[in-house]
Every structure is written in C-alpha cells, then in structure tokens.
Amino acid sequence: MEFFCTFCGKRKGDAKDWLLGFEGTRNGRLSTKYNITLLRKWDEQRASEPNSVHFCSTACQMKYIGKNYGDETWAA
C-alpha cells in the first residue's frame, strides 16, 4: 500500500521518520474538526486504518493541525 502526506501530498518511500495520526469520529462519522490523536512513531499496520492521517515531517503535521484544527488543538 502506498501512503501520501496528508498535507503536502509527498509519497512515502522507505523513509522511517514519517508521522501518523488519527482523526476522531463523532456519532460514528469522521469529523476532521472534532479531534486528532498523534502517535509518536509510524505504525505500518495502523497506517491503513480509515481515519489515519500521514505526515512526511513535523512541519507538515503542524501546518495541517493549524489549518484544520486552529490554535486550540490538544493532541496526544
């Protein structure tokens, strides 16, 4: 399976330093404005889950969070 950065679109090759997160659900539906949980490291198996978001760098991760969640985001 191929993965692409959710923010910039870069394709994931063999790079090991990619970041993974999961957008929360509300009433069983995905809601990008509800919440996001950020993992501390890439998990190849979990990366294919439907609510996963992938980032090629911390910069892309932070830009995505700022754009979609604003300044008041609490991530774990």
C-alpha atoms as a PDB file:
ATOM      1  CA  MET A   1       0.000   0.000   0.000  1.00  0.00           C
ATOM      2  CA  GLU A   2       1.233   3.498  -0.801  1.00  0.00           C
ATOM      3  CA  PHE A   3       0.957   6.373   1.643  1.00  0.00           C
ATOM      4  CA  PHE A   4       0.956  10.086   0.910  1.00  0.00           C
ATOM      5  CA  CYS A   5       1.445  13.050   3.205  1.00  0.00           C
ATOM      6  CA  THR A   6      -2.000  14.329   4.140  1.00  0.00           C
ATOM      7  CA  PHE A   7      -0.754  17.920   3.980  1.00  0.00           C
ATOM      8  CA  CYS A   8       1.688  18.200   1.047  1.00  0.00           C
ATOM      9  CA  GLY A   9       0.985  15.023  -0.929  1.00  0.00           C
ATOM     10  CA  LYS A  10       4.550  13.661  -0.883  1.00  0.00           C
ATOM     11  CA  ARG A  11       4.703   9.877  -1.429  1.00  0.00           C
ATOM     12  CA  LYS A  12       6.171   7.800   1.382  1.00  0.00           C
ATOM     13  CA  GLY A  13       9.114   5.738   0.235  1.00  0.00           C
ATOM     14  CA  ASP A  14      11.352   3.878   2.638  1.00  0.00           C
ATOM     15  CA  ALA A  15      11.631   6.840   4.993  1.00  0.00           C
ATOM     16  CA  LYS A  16      11.306   5.767   8.610  1.00  0.00           C
ATOM     17  CA  ASP A  17      10.663   9.191  10.133  1.00  0.00           C
ATOM     18  CA  TRP A  18       7.085   9.686   8.932  1.00  0.00           C
ATOM     19  CA  LEU A  19       4.398  10.570  11.472  1.00  0.00           C
ATOM     20  CA  LEU A  20       0.953   9.089  11.927  1.00  0.00           C
ATOM     21  CA  GLY A  21      -2.247  10.355  13.484  1.00  0.00           C
ATOM     22  CA  PHE A  22      -5.922   9.530  13.689  1.00  0.00           C
ATOM     23  CA  GLU A  23      -8.796  11.912  13.264  1.00  0.00           C
ATOM     24  CA  GLY A  24     -11.625  11.313  15.684  1.00  0.00           C
ATOM     25  CA  THR A  25     -15.169  10.349  14.980  1.00  0.00           C
ATOM     26  CA  ARG A  26     -18.390  11.873  16.150  1.00  0.00           C
ATOM     27  CA  ASN A  27     -21.500   9.702  16.190  1.00  0.00           C
ATOM     28  CA  GLY A  28     -19.713   7.119  14.054  1.00  0.00           C
ATOM     29  CA  ARG A  29     -18.740   9.591  11.325  1.00  0.00           C
ATOM     30  CA  LEU A  30     -15.349  11.049  10.528  1.00  0.00           C
ATOM     31  CA  SER A  31     -15.143  14.673  11.535  1.00  0.00           C
ATOM     32  CA  THR A  32     -11.874  16.464  10.804  1.00  0.00           C
ATOM     33  CA  LYS A  33     -12.860  19.305  13.134  1.00  0.00           C
ATOM     34  CA  TYR A  34     -13.601  17.089  16.156  1.00  0.00           C
ATOM     35  CA  ASN A  35     -10.236  15.825  17.429  1.00  0.00           C
ATOM     36  CA  ILE A  36      -6.941  14.307  16.384  1.00  0.00           C
ATOM     37  CA  THR A  37      -4.608  11.885  18.128  1.00  0.00           C
ATOM     38  CA  LEU A  38      -0.955  11.929  17.109  1.00  0.00           C
ATOM     39  CA  LEU A  39       1.267   8.896  17.528  1.00  0.00           C
ATOM     40  CA  ARG A  40       4.906   9.306  18.472  1.00  0.00           C
ATOM     41  CA  LYS A  41       6.082   6.973  15.703  1.00  0.00           C
ATOM     42  CA  TRP A  42       4.955   5.428  12.424  1.00  0.00           C
ATOM     43  CA  ASP A  43       2.952   2.194  12.655  1.00  0.00           C
ATOM     44  CA  GLU A  44       2.794   0.475   9.261  1.00  0.00           C
ATOM     45  CA  GLN A  45      -0.195  -1.706  10.181  1.00  0.00           C
ATOM     46  CA  ARG A  46      -2.297   1.090  11.656  1.00  0.00           C
ATOM     47  CA  ALA A  47      -1.434   3.499   8.814  1.00  0.00           C
ATOM     48  CA  SER A  48      -4.090   1.899   6.607  1.00  0.00           C
ATOM     49  CA  GLU A  49      -6.950   2.498   9.070  1.00  0.00           C
ATOM     50  CA  PRO A  50      -9.721   4.648   7.539  1.00  0.00           C
ATOM     51  CA  ASN A  51      -9.299   7.623   9.866  1.00  0.00           C
ATOM     52  CA  SER A  52      -5.496   7.746   9.675  1.00  0.00           C
ATOM     53  CA  VAL A  53      -3.571  10.823   8.567  1.00  0.00           C
ATOM     54  CA  HIS A  54       0.048  10.642   7.391  1.00  0.00           C
ATOM     55  CA  PHE A  55       2.757  13.269   7.579  1.00  0.00           C
ATOM     56  CA  CYS A  56       6.201  13.365   5.954  1.00  0.00           C
ATOM     57  CA  SER A  57       7.522  15.800   8.577  1.00  0.00           C
ATOM     58  CA  THR A  58       6.719  17.605  11.788  1.00  0.00           C
ATOM     59  CA  ALA A  59       6.357  20.795   9.733  1.00  0.00           C
ATOM     60  CA  CYS A  60       3.589  19.270   7.593  1.00  0.00           C
ATOM     61  CA  GLN A  61       1.930  17.836  10.681  1.00  0.00           C
ATOM     62  CA  MET A  62       1.877  21.230  12.410  1.00  0.00           C
ATOM     63  CA  LYS A  63       0.642  23.046   9.285  1.00  0.00           C
ATOM     64  CA  TYR A  64      -2.176  20.512   8.885  1.00  0.00           C
ATOM     65  CA  ILE A  65      -3.206  20.857  12.530  1.00  0.00           C
ATOM     66  CA  GLY A  66      -3.102  24.653  12.317  1.00  0.00           C
ATOM     67  CA  LYS A  67      -5.182  24.684   9.141  1.00  0.00           C
ATOM     68  CA  ASN A  68      -7.777  22.128  10.246  1.00  0.00           C
ATOM     69  CA  TYR A  69      -7.938  22.481  14.000  1.00  0.00           C
ATOM     70  CA  GLY A  70      -6.775  26.004  14.778  1.00  0.00           C
ATOM     71  CA  ASP A  71      -4.696  27.180  17.702  1.00  0.00           C
ATOM     72  CA  GLU A  72      -6.714  25.454  20.423  1.00  0.00           C
ATOM     73  CA  THR A  73      -5.932  21.854  19.411  1.00  0.00           C
ATOM     74  CA  TRP A  74      -4.890  19.451  22.135  1.00  0.00           C
ATOM     75  CA  ALA A  75      -3.095  16.446  20.685  1.00  0.00           C
ATOM     76  CA  ALA A  76      -1.772  13.391  22.481  1.00  0.00           C
END
